[in-house]
PDB file of all heavy atoms in Angstrom:
ATOM      1  N   ALA A   1       0.825  -1.210   0.005  1.00  0.00           N
ATOM      2  CA  ALA A   1       0.001   0.002  -0.001  1.00  0.00           C
ATOM      3  C   ALA A   1       0.856   1.259  -0.004  1.00  0.00           C
ATOM      4  O   ALA A   1       0.520   2.263  -0.645  1.00  0.00           O
ATOM      5  CB  ALA A   1      -0.925  -0.010   1.209  1.00  0.00           C
ATOM      6  N   ILE A   2       1.978   1.227   0.701  1.00  0.00           N
ATOM      7  CA  ILE A   2       2.878   2.383   0.735  1.00  0.00           C
ATOM      8  C   ILE A   2       3.365   2.716  -0.687  1.00  0.00           C
ATOM      9  O   ILE A   2       3.437   3.901  -1.074  1.00  0.00           O
ATOM     10  CB  ILE A   2       4.062   2.117   1.682  1.00  0.00           C
ATOM     11  CG1 ILE A   2       3.595   2.190   3.132  1.00  0.00           C
ATOM     12  CG2 ILE A   2       5.185   3.142   1.453  1.00  0.00           C
ATOM     13  CD1 ILE A   2       4.629   1.732   4.152  1.00  0.00           C
ATOM     14  N   CYS A   3       3.719   1.684  -1.451  1.00  0.00           N
ATOM     15  CA  CYS A   3       4.278   1.954  -2.791  1.00  0.00           C
ATOM     16  C   CYS A   3       3.209   1.856  -3.897  1.00  0.00           C
ATOM     17  O   CYS A   3       3.563   1.924  -5.078  1.00  0.00           O
ATOM     18  CB  CYS A   3       5.436   1.034  -3.085  1.00  0.00           C
ATOM     19  SG  CYS A   3       5.021  -0.712  -3.208  1.00  0.00           S
ATOM     20  N   GLY A   4       1.936   1.739  -3.549  1.00  0.00           N
ATOM     21  CA  GLY A   4       0.875   1.854  -4.528  1.00  0.00           C
ATOM     22  C   GLY A   4       0.510   0.581  -5.262  1.00  0.00           C
ATOM     23  O   GLY A   4      -0.403   0.598  -6.109  1.00  0.00           O
ATOM     24  N   LEU A   5       1.178  -0.546  -4.958  1.00  0.00           N
ATOM     25  CA  LEU A   5       0.788  -1.792  -5.600  1.00  0.00           C
ATOM     26  C   LEU A   5      -0.558  -2.276  -5.102  1.00  0.00           C
ATOM     27  O   LEU A   5      -1.271  -3.009  -5.810  1.00  0.00           O
ATOM     28  CB  LEU A   5       1.857  -2.857  -5.355  1.00  0.00           C
ATOM     29  CG  LEU A   5       3.185  -2.652  -6.076  1.00  0.00           C
ATOM     30  CD1 LEU A   5       4.212  -3.651  -5.594  1.00  0.00           C
ATOM     31  CD2 LEU A   5       3.004  -2.747  -7.584  1.00  0.00           C
ATOM     32  N   LEU A   6      -0.909  -1.903  -3.874  1.00  0.00           N
ATOM     33  CA  LEU A   6      -2.236  -2.140  -3.319  1.00  0.00           C
ATOM     34  C   LEU A   6      -2.847  -0.770  -3.063  1.00  0.00           C
ATOM     35  O   LEU A   6      -2.373  -0.054  -2.192  1.00  0.00           O
ATOM     36  CB  LEU A   6      -2.119  -2.931  -2.017  1.00  0.00           C
ATOM     37  CG  LEU A   6      -3.428  -3.249  -1.275  1.00  0.00           C
ATOM     38  CD1 LEU A   6      -4.334  -4.126  -2.134  1.00  0.00           C
ATOM     39  CD2 LEU A   6      -3.143  -3.946   0.050  1.00  0.00           C
ATOM     40  N   PRO A   7      -3.862  -0.375  -3.826  1.00  0.00           N
ATOM     41  CA  PRO A   7      -4.385   0.987  -3.699  1.00  0.00           C
ATOM     42  C   PRO A   7      -4.915   1.275  -2.291  1.00  0.00           C
ATOM     43  O   PRO A   7      -5.611   0.462  -1.684  1.00  0.00           O
ATOM     44  CB  PRO A   7      -5.525   1.027  -4.716  1.00  0.00           C
ATOM     45  CG  PRO A   7      -5.166  -0.031  -5.715  1.00  0.00           C
ATOM     46  CD  PRO A   7      -4.506  -1.123  -4.918  1.00  0.00           C
ATOM     47  N   ALA A   8      -4.537   2.434  -1.777  1.00  0.00           N
ATOM     48  CA  ALA A   8      -5.021   2.868  -0.467  1.00  0.00           C
ATOM     49  C   ALA A   8      -6.497   3.254  -0.566  1.00  0.00           C
ATOM     50  O   ALA A   8      -6.926   3.904  -1.517  1.00  0.00           O
ATOM     51  CB  ALA A   8      -4.204   4.045   0.043  1.00  0.00           C
ATOM     52  N   ARG A   9      -7.273   2.847   0.440  1.00  0.00           N
ATOM     53  CA  ARG A   9      -8.699   3.205   0.503  1.00  0.00           C
ATOM     54  C   ARG A   9      -8.926   4.452   1.328  1.00  0.00           C
ATOM     55  O   ARG A   9      -9.953   5.116   1.190  1.00  0.00           O
ATOM     56  CB  ARG A   9      -9.485   2.028   1.075  1.00  0.00           C
ATOM     57  CG  ARG A   9      -9.467   0.782   0.214  1.00  0.00           C
ATOM     58  CD  ARG A   9     -10.190  -0.369   0.861  1.00  0.00           C
ATOM     59  NE  ARG A   9     -10.251  -1.549  -0.008  1.00  0.00           N
ATOM     60  CZ  ARG A   9     -10.750  -2.718   0.334  1.00  0.00           C
ATOM     61  NH1 ARG A   9     -11.250  -2.881   1.553  1.00  0.00           N
ATOM     62  NH2 ARG A   9     -10.758  -3.721  -0.522  1.00  0.00           N
ATOM     63  N   ALA A  10      -7.972   4.743   2.203  1.00  0.00           N
ATOM     64  CA  ALA A  10      -8.074   5.942   3.053  1.00  0.00           C
ATOM     65  C   ALA A  10      -6.698   6.218   3.612  1.00  0.00           C
ATOM     66  O   ALA A  10      -5.806   5.378   3.578  1.00  0.00           O
ATOM     67  CB  ALA A  10      -9.067   5.727   4.193  1.00  0.00           C
ATOM     68  N   GLY A  11      -6.530   7.443   4.133  1.00  0.00           N
ATOM     69  CA  GLY A  11      -5.286   7.827   4.765  1.00  0.00           C
ATOM     70  C   GLY A  11      -4.316   8.467   3.788  1.00  0.00           C
ATOM     71  O   GLY A  11      -4.631   8.732   2.626  1.00  0.00           O
ATOM     72  N   SER A  12      -3.112   8.728   4.283  1.00  0.00           N
ATOM     73  CA  SER A  12      -2.102   9.404   3.469  1.00  0.00           C
ATOM     74  C   SER A  12      -0.760   8.689   3.616  1.00  0.00           C
ATOM     75  O   SER A  12      -0.456   8.087   4.648  1.00  0.00           O
ATOM     76  CB  SER A  12      -1.948  10.876   3.881  1.00  0.00           C
ATOM     77  OG  SER A  12      -1.399  10.966   5.184  1.00  0.00           O
ATOM     78  N   VAL A  13       0.028   8.786   2.551  1.00  0.00           N
ATOM     79  CA  VAL A  13       1.388   8.308   2.544  1.00  0.00           C
ATOM     80  C   VAL A  13       2.256   9.457   2.015  1.00  0.00           C
ATOM     81  O   VAL A  13       2.136   9.852   0.864  1.00  0.00           O
ATOM     82  CB  VAL A  13       1.586   7.072   1.641  1.00  0.00           C
ATOM     83  CG1 VAL A  13       3.032   6.628   1.639  1.00  0.00           C
ATOM     84  CG2 VAL A  13       0.680   5.937   2.077  1.00  0.00           C
ATOM     85  N   ARG A  14       3.100   9.989   2.892  1.00  0.00           N
ATOM     86  CA  ARG A  14       3.992  11.092   2.498  1.00  0.00           C
ATOM     87  C   ARG A  14       5.428  10.596   2.490  1.00  0.00           C
ATOM     88  O   ARG A  14       5.899  10.005   3.453  1.00  0.00           O
ATOM     89  CB  ARG A  14       3.847  12.280   3.472  1.00  0.00           C
ATOM     90  CG  ARG A  14       2.449  12.891   3.472  1.00  0.00           C
ATOM     91  CD  ARG A  14       2.378  14.144   4.328  1.00  0.00           C
ATOM     92  NE  ARG A  14       3.153  15.240   3.776  1.00  0.00           N
ATOM     93  CZ  ARG A  14       2.741  16.045   2.799  1.00  0.00           C
ATOM     94  NH1 ARG A  14       1.512  15.870   2.293  1.00  0.00           N
ATOM     95  NH2 ARG A  14       3.495  17.006   2.361  1.00  0.00           N
ATOM     96  N   TYR A  15       6.084  10.847   1.361  1.00  0.00           N
ATOM     97  CA  TYR A  15       7.488  10.478   1.185  1.00  0.00           C
ATOM     98  C   TYR A  15       8.264  11.721   0.832  1.00  0.00           C
ATOM     99  O   TYR A  15       7.903  12.435  -0.118  1.00  0.00           O
ATOM    100  CB  TYR A  15       7.603   9.407   0.080  1.00  0.00           C
ATOM    101  CG  TYR A  15       9.016   9.184  -0.396  1.00  0.00           C
ATOM    102  CD1 TYR A  15       9.937   8.536   0.416  1.00  0.00           C
ATOM    103  CD2 TYR A  15       9.431   9.622  -1.650  1.00  0.00           C
ATOM    104  CE1 TYR A  15      11.243   8.334  -0.022  1.00  0.00           C
ATOM    105  CE2 TYR A  15      10.710   9.409  -2.098  1.00  0.00           C
ATOM    106  CZ  TYR A  15      11.627   8.771  -1.273  1.00  0.00           C
ATOM    107  OH  TYR A  15      12.924   8.583  -1.694  1.00  0.00           O
ATOM    108  N   ASP A  16       9.295  12.000   1.612  1.00  0.00           N
ATOM    109  CA  ASP A  16      10.122  13.182   1.397  1.00  0.00           C
ATOM    110  C   ASP A  16       9.265  14.444   1.342  1.00  0.00           C
ATOM    111  O   ASP A  16       9.513  15.350   0.549  1.00  0.00           O
ATOM    112  CB  ASP A  16      10.942  13.029   0.118  1.00  0.00           C
ATOM    113  CG  ASP A  16      12.121  13.992   0.048  1.00  0.00           C
ATOM    114  OD1 ASP A  16      12.570  14.476   1.109  1.00  0.00           O
ATOM    115  OD2 ASP A  16      12.598  14.261  -1.067  1.00  0.00           O
ATOM    116  N   GLY A  17       8.233  14.486   2.204  1.00  0.00           N
ATOM    117  CA  GLY A  17       7.376  15.663   2.319  1.00  0.00           C
ATOM    118  C   GLY A  17       6.237  15.766   1.348  1.00  0.00           C
ATOM    119  O   GLY A  17       5.405  16.683   1.443  1.00  0.00           O
ATOM    120  N   ALA A  18       6.152  14.833   0.385  1.00  0.00           N
ATOM    121  CA  ALA A  18       5.099  14.918  -0.640  1.00  0.00           C
ATOM    122  C   ALA A  18       4.155  13.743  -0.530  1.00  0.00           C
ATOM    123  O   ALA A  18       4.571  12.607  -0.256  1.00  0.00           O
ATOM    124  CB  ALA A  18       5.729  14.937  -2.037  1.00  0.00           C
ATOM    125  N   GLU A  19       2.872  13.991  -0.765  1.00  0.00           N
ATOM    126  CA  GLU A  19       1.875  12.921  -0.794  1.00  0.00           C
ATOM    127  C   GLU A  19       2.086  12.083  -2.054  1.00  0.00           C
ATOM    128  O   GLU A  19       2.183  12.603  -3.153  1.00  0.00           O
ATOM    129  CB  GLU A  19       0.481  13.531  -0.802  1.00  0.00           C
ATOM    130  CG  GLU A  19      -0.654  12.524  -0.960  1.00  0.00           C
ATOM    131  CD  GLU A  19      -0.745  11.557   0.205  1.00  0.00           C
ATOM    132  OE1 GLU A  19      -0.607  12.009   1.356  1.00  0.00           O
ATOM    133  OE2 GLU A  19      -0.952  10.361  -0.056  1.00  0.00           O
ATOM    134  N   ILE A  20       2.170  10.741  -1.857  1.00  0.00           N
ATOM    135  CA  ILE A  20       2.475   9.876  -3.015  1.00  0.00           C
ATOM    136  C   ILE A  20       1.398   8.845  -3.276  1.00  0.00           C
ATOM    137  O   ILE A  20       1.565   7.969  -4.120  1.00  0.00           O
ATOM    138  CB  ILE A  20       3.828   9.162  -2.839  1.00  0.00           C
ATOM    139  CG1 ILE A  20       3.827   8.262  -1.594  1.00  0.00           C
ATOM    140  CG2 ILE A  20       4.965  10.167  -2.799  1.00  0.00           C
ATOM    141  CD1 ILE A  20       4.994   7.313  -1.531  1.00  0.00           C
ATOM    142  N   SER A  21       0.295   8.885  -2.540  1.00  0.00           N
ATOM    143  CA  SER A  21      -0.709   7.819  -2.673  1.00  0.00           C
ATOM    144  C   SER A  21      -1.320   7.777  -4.075  1.00  0.00           C
ATOM    145  O   SER A  21      -1.884   6.743  -4.456  1.00  0.00           O
ATOM    146  CB  SER A  21      -1.809   7.978  -1.628  1.00  0.00           C
ATOM    147  OG  SER A  21      -2.432   9.245  -1.727  1.00  0.00           O
ATOM    148  N   ARG A  22      -1.219   8.844  -4.829  1.00  0.00           N
ATOM    149  CA  ARG A  22      -1.753   8.838  -6.198  1.00  0.00           C
ATOM    150  C   ARG A  22      -0.643   8.962  -7.250  1.00  0.00           C
ATOM    151  O   ARG A  22      -0.951   9.158  -8.434  1.00  0.00           O
ATOM    152  CB  ARG A  22      -2.793   9.950  -6.362  1.00  0.00           C
ATOM    153  CG  ARG A  22      -4.095   9.625  -5.661  1.00  0.00           C
ATOM    154  CD  ARG A  22      -5.144  10.724  -5.838  1.00  0.00           C
ATOM    155  NE  ARG A  22      -6.440  10.280  -5.384  1.00  0.00           N
ATOM    156  CZ  ARG A  22      -6.831  10.192  -4.113  1.00  0.00           C
ATOM    157  NH1 ARG A  22      -5.970  10.517  -3.159  1.00  0.00           N
ATOM    158  NH2 ARG A  22      -8.041   9.794  -3.782  1.00  0.00           N
ATOM    159  N   VAL A  23       0.574   8.863  -6.827  1.00  0.00           N
ATOM    160  CA  VAL A  23       1.696   8.877  -7.770  1.00  0.00           C
ATOM    161  C   VAL A  23       1.770   7.502  -8.447  1.00  0.00           C
ATOM    162  O   VAL A  23       1.698   6.477  -7.761  1.00  0.00           O
ATOM    163  CB  VAL A  23       3.020   9.196  -7.056  1.00  0.00           C
ATOM    164  CG1 VAL A  23       4.207   9.063  -8.007  1.00  0.00           C
ATOM    165  CG2 VAL A  23       2.957  10.615  -6.490  1.00  0.00           C
ATOM    166  N   PRO A  24       1.932   7.422  -9.772  1.00  0.00           N
ATOM    167  CA  PRO A  24       2.042   6.113 -10.428  1.00  0.00           C
ATOM    168  C   PRO A  24       3.171   5.276  -9.843  1.00  0.00           C
ATOM    169  O   PRO A  24       4.239   5.802  -9.518  1.00  0.00           O
ATOM    170  CB  PRO A  24       2.329   6.491 -11.899  1.00  0.00           C
ATOM    171  CG  PRO A  24       1.780   7.857 -12.058  1.00  0.00           C
ATOM    172  CD  PRO A  24       1.978   8.538 -10.741  1.00  0.00           C
ATOM    173  N   VAL A  25       2.922   3.993  -9.707  1.00  0.00           N
ATOM    174  CA  VAL A  25       3.914   3.086  -9.092  1.00  0.00           C
ATOM    175  C   VAL A  25       5.257   3.180  -9.779  1.00  0.00           C
ATOM    176  O   VAL A  25       6.297   3.210  -9.134  1.00  0.00           O
ATOM    177  CB  VAL A  25       3.386   1.647  -9.113  1.00  0.00           C
ATOM    178  CG1 VAL A  25       4.423   0.683  -8.581  1.00  0.00           C
ATOM    179  CG2 VAL A  25       2.099   1.520  -8.307  1.00  0.00           C
ATOM    180  N   TYR A  26       5.256   3.239 -11.109  1.00  0.00           N
ATOM    181  CA  TYR A  26       6.512   3.245 -11.857  1.00  0.00           C
ATOM    182  C   TYR A  26       7.343   4.502 -11.631  1.00  0.00           C
ATOM    183  O   TYR A  26       8.546   4.542 -11.888  1.00  0.00           O
ATOM    184  CB  TYR A  26       6.260   3.069 -13.348  1.00  0.00           C
ATOM    185  CG  TYR A  26       5.416   4.168 -13.982  1.00  0.00           C
ATOM    186  CD1 TYR A  26       5.952   5.387 -14.345  1.00  0.00           C
ATOM    187  CD2 TYR A  26       4.058   3.955 -14.229  1.00  0.00           C
ATOM    188  CE1 TYR A  26       5.189   6.381 -14.914  1.00  0.00           C
ATOM    189  CE2 TYR A  26       3.268   4.937 -14.805  1.00  0.00           C
ATOM    190  CZ  TYR A  26       3.842   6.144 -15.150  1.00  0.00           C
ATOM    191  OH  TYR A  26       3.068   7.139 -15.700  1.00  0.00           O
ATOM    192  N   GLU A  27       6.700   5.566 -11.113  1.00  0.00           N
ATOM    193  CA  GLU A  27       7.409   6.820 -10.869  1.00  0.00           C
ATOM    194  C   GLU A  27       8.203   6.792  -9.555  1.00  0.00           C
ATOM    195  O   GLU A  27       9.200   7.522  -9.410  1.00  0.00           O
ATOM    196  CB  GLU A  27       6.378   7.976 -10.839  1.00  0.00           C
ATOM    197  CG  GLU A  27       6.953   9.335 -10.520  1.00  0.00           C
ATOM    198  CD  GLU A  27       7.938   9.838 -11.574  1.00  0.00           C
ATOM    199  OE1 GLU A  27       7.827   9.434 -12.743  1.00  0.00           O
ATOM    200  OE2 GLU A  27       8.807  10.626 -11.197  1.00  0.00           O
ATOM    201  N   LEU A  28       7.801   5.961  -8.610  1.00  0.00           N
ATOM    202  CA  LEU A  28       8.413   5.971  -7.280  1.00  0.00           C
ATOM    203  C   LEU A  28       9.902   5.622  -7.286  1.00  0.00           C
ATOM    204  O   LEU A  28      10.679   6.265  -6.562  1.00  0.00           O
ATOM    205  CB  LEU A  28       7.632   5.090  -6.320  1.00  0.00           C
ATOM    206  CG  LEU A  28       6.202   5.557  -6.053  1.00  0.00           C
ATOM    207  CD1 LEU A  28       5.502   4.594  -5.104  1.00  0.00           C
ATOM    208  CD2 LEU A  28       6.180   6.975  -5.479  1.00  0.00           C
ATOM    209  N   PRO A  29      10.366   4.626  -8.041  1.00  0.00           N
ATOM    210  CA  PRO A  29      11.809   4.390  -8.070  1.00  0.00           C
ATOM    211  C   PRO A  29      12.610   5.587  -8.545  1.00  0.00           C
ATOM    212  O   PRO A  29      13.734   5.806  -8.078  1.00  0.00           O
ATOM    213  CB  PRO A  29      11.947   3.201  -9.045  1.00  0.00           C
ATOM    214  CG  PRO A  29      10.634   2.480  -8.927  1.00  0.00           C
ATOM    215  CD  PRO A  29       9.632   3.570  -8.773  1.00  0.00           C
ATOM    216  N   ARG A  30      12.056   6.383  -9.443  1.00  0.00           N
ATOM    217  CA  ARG A  30      12.736   7.572  -9.888  1.00  0.00           C
ATOM    218  C   ARG A  30      12.911   8.569  -8.732  1.00  0.00           C
ATOM    219  O   ARG A  30      13.821   9.392  -8.749  1.00  0.00           O
ATOM    220  CB  ARG A  30      11.972   8.239 -11.036  1.00  0.00           C
ATOM    221  CG  ARG A  30      11.931   7.447 -12.325  1.00  0.00           C
ATOM    222  CD  ARG A  30      11.222   8.226 -13.427  1.00  0.00           C
ATOM    223  NE  ARG A  30      11.342   7.578 -14.716  1.00  0.00           N
ATOM    224  CZ  ARG A  30      10.482   6.718 -15.198  1.00  0.00           C
ATOM    225  NH1 ARG A  30       9.405   6.402 -14.500  1.00  0.00           N
ATOM    226  NH2 ARG A  30      10.659   6.172 -16.382  1.00  0.00           N
ATOM    227  N   ARG A  31      12.003   8.499  -7.745  1.00  0.00           N
ATOM    228  CA  ARG A  31      12.080   9.361  -6.575  1.00  0.00           C
ATOM    229  C   ARG A  31      12.892   8.759  -5.455  1.00  0.00           C
ATOM    230  O   ARG A  31      13.062   9.382  -4.404  1.00  0.00           O
ATOM    231  CB  ARG A  31      10.676   9.708  -6.086  1.00  0.00           C
ATOM    232  CG  ARG A  31       9.801  10.399  -7.122  1.00  0.00           C
ATOM    233  CD  ARG A  31       8.523  10.920  -6.487  1.00  0.00           C
ATOM    234  NE  ARG A  31       7.629  11.488  -7.466  1.00  0.00           N
ATOM    235  CZ  ARG A  31       6.555  12.233  -7.141  1.00  0.00           C
ATOM    236  NH1 ARG A  31       6.271  12.488  -5.882  1.00  0.00           N
ATOM    237  NH2 ARG A  31       5.771  12.706  -8.110  1.00  0.00           N
ATOM    238  N   GLY A  32      13.328   7.501  -5.646  1.00  0.00           N
ATOM    239  CA  GLY A  32      14.179   6.878  -4.639  1.00  0.00           C
ATOM    240  C   GLY A  32      13.461   5.949  -3.677  1.00  0.00           C
ATOM    241  O   GLY A  32      14.051   5.540  -2.676  1.00  0.00           O
ATOM    242  N   LEU A  33      12.213   5.591  -3.965  1.00  0.00           N
ATOM    243  CA  LEU A  33      11.466   4.652  -3.122  1.00  0.00           C
ATOM    244  C   LEU A  33      11.354   3.328  -3.887  1.00  0.00           C
ATOM    245  O   LEU A  33      10.741   3.276  -4.944  1.00  0.00           O
ATOM    246  CB  LEU A  33      10.081   5.202  -2.791  1.00  0.00           C
ATOM    247  CG  LEU A  33       9.306   4.533  -1.654  1.00  0.00           C
ATOM    248  CD1 LEU A  33       8.163   5.441  -1.176  1.00  0.00           C
ATOM    249  CD2 LEU A  33       8.751   3.175  -2.016  1.00  0.00           C
ATOM    250  N   VAL A  34      11.970   2.282  -3.329  1.00  0.00           N
ATOM    251  CA  VAL A  34      12.108   1.012  -4.052  1.00  0.00           C
ATOM    252  C   VAL A  34      11.684  -0.155  -3.147  1.00  0.00           C
ATOM    253  O   VAL A  34      12.072  -0.190  -1.979  1.00  0.00           O
ATOM    254  CB  VAL A  34      13.545   0.809  -4.539  1.00  0.00           C
ATOM    255  CG1 VAL A  34      13.685  -0.503  -5.294  1.00  0.00           C
ATOM    256  CG2 VAL A  34      13.997   1.976  -5.416  1.00  0.00           C
ATOM    257  N   LEU A  35      10.912  -1.069  -3.689  1.00  0.00           N
ATOM    258  CA  LEU A  35      10.446  -2.266  -2.978  1.00  0.00           C
ATOM    259  C   LEU A  35      11.210  -3.490  -3.442  1.00  0.00           C
ATOM    260  O   LEU A  35      11.345  -3.719  -4.636  1.00  0.00           O
ATOM    261  CB  LEU A  35       8.959  -2.462  -3.236  1.00  0.00           C
ATOM    262  CG  LEU A  35       8.341  -3.791  -2.752  1.00  0.00           C
ATOM    263  CD1 LEU A  35       8.271  -3.848  -1.214  1.00  0.00           C
ATOM    264  CD2 LEU A  35       6.941  -3.993  -3.342  1.00  0.00           C
ATOM    265  N   VAL A  36      11.694  -4.291  -2.466  1.00  0.00           N
ATOM    266  CA  VAL A  36      12.138  -5.653  -2.726  1.00  0.00           C
ATOM    267  C   VAL A  36      11.003  -6.566  -2.283  1.00  0.00           C
ATOM    268  O   VAL A  36      10.762  -6.734  -1.094  1.00  0.00           O
ATOM    269  CB  VAL A  36      13.428  -6.010  -1.979  1.00  0.00           C
ATOM    270  CG1 VAL A  36      13.846  -7.453  -2.253  1.00  0.00           C
ATOM    271  CG2 VAL A  36      14.556  -5.054  -2.339  1.00  0.00           C
ATOM    272  N   PRO A  37      10.230  -7.134  -3.215  1.00  0.00           N
ATOM    273  CA  PRO A  37       8.984  -7.789  -2.838  1.00  0.00           C
ATOM    274  C   PRO A  37       9.180  -9.131  -2.164  1.00  0.00           C
ATOM    275  O   PRO A  37      10.216  -9.802  -2.328  1.00  0.00           O
ATOM    276  CB  PRO A  37       8.273  -7.962  -4.183  1.00  0.00           C
ATOM    277  CG  PRO A  37       9.373  -8.052  -5.171  1.00  0.00           C
ATOM    278  CD  PRO A  37      10.452  -7.123  -4.672  1.00  0.00           C
ATOM    279  N   GLU A  38       8.166  -9.538  -1.433  1.00  0.00           N
ATOM    280  CA  GLU A  38       8.127 -10.893  -0.894  1.00  0.00           C
ATOM    281  C   GLU A  38       8.171 -11.873  -2.070  1.00  0.00           C
ATOM    282  O   GLU A  38       7.486 -11.677  -3.070  1.00  0.00           O
ATOM    283  CB  GLU A  38       6.843 -11.087  -0.105  1.00  0.00           C
ATOM    284  CG  GLU A  38       6.637 -12.467   0.492  1.00  0.00           C
ATOM    285  CD  GLU A  38       5.303 -12.611   1.207  1.00  0.00           C
ATOM    286  OE1 GLU A  38       4.488 -11.670   1.157  1.00  0.00           O
ATOM    287  OE2 GLU A  38       5.090 -13.666   1.802  1.00  0.00           O
ATOM    288  N   GLY A  39       8.975 -12.928  -1.953  1.00  0.00           N
ATOM    289  CA  GLY A  39       9.109 -13.868  -3.057  1.00  0.00           C
ATOM    290  C   GLY A  39      10.091 -13.447  -4.131  1.00  0.00           C
ATOM    291  O   GLY A  39      10.189 -14.075  -5.176  1.00  0.00           O
ATOM    292  N   ARG A  40      10.806 -12.326  -3.877  1.00  0.00           N
ATOM    293  CA  ARG A  40      11.944 -11.854  -4.673  1.00  0.00           C
ATOM    294  C   ARG A  40      11.550 -11.149  -5.974  1.00  0.00           C
ATOM    295  O   ARG A  40      12.066 -10.105  -6.286  1.00  0.00           O
ATOM    296  CB  ARG A  40      12.940 -12.993  -4.962  1.00  0.00           C
ATOM    297  CG  ARG A  40      13.609 -13.465  -3.691  1.00  0.00           C
ATOM    298  CD  ARG A  40      13.686 -14.973  -3.614  1.00  0.00           C
ATOM    299  NE  ARG A  40      13.864 -15.409  -2.218  1.00  0.00           N
ATOM    300  CZ  ARG A  40      13.779 -16.653  -1.843  1.00  0.00           C
ATOM    301  NH1 ARG A  40      13.518 -17.618  -2.705  1.00  0.00           N
ATOM    302  NH2 ARG A  40      13.915 -16.975  -0.563  1.00  0.00           N
ATOM    303  N   GLY A  41      10.663 -11.746  -6.768  1.00  0.00           N
ATOM    304  CA  GLY A  41      10.184 -11.058  -7.967  1.00  0.00           C
ATOM    305  C   GLY A  41      11.230 -10.796  -9.034  1.00  0.00           C
ATOM    306  O   GLY A  41      11.154  -9.817  -9.754  1.00  0.00           O
TER     307      GLY A  41
END
């Protein structure tokens, strides 16, 4: 939910001072937020 792979239904996620809950998932690595998923992927 933090990185947008599971859409948030309520609340806020702020990264580096900016709200990111509606930022496209593919954009987050460009901003420096990266997920290593369960199961390696």
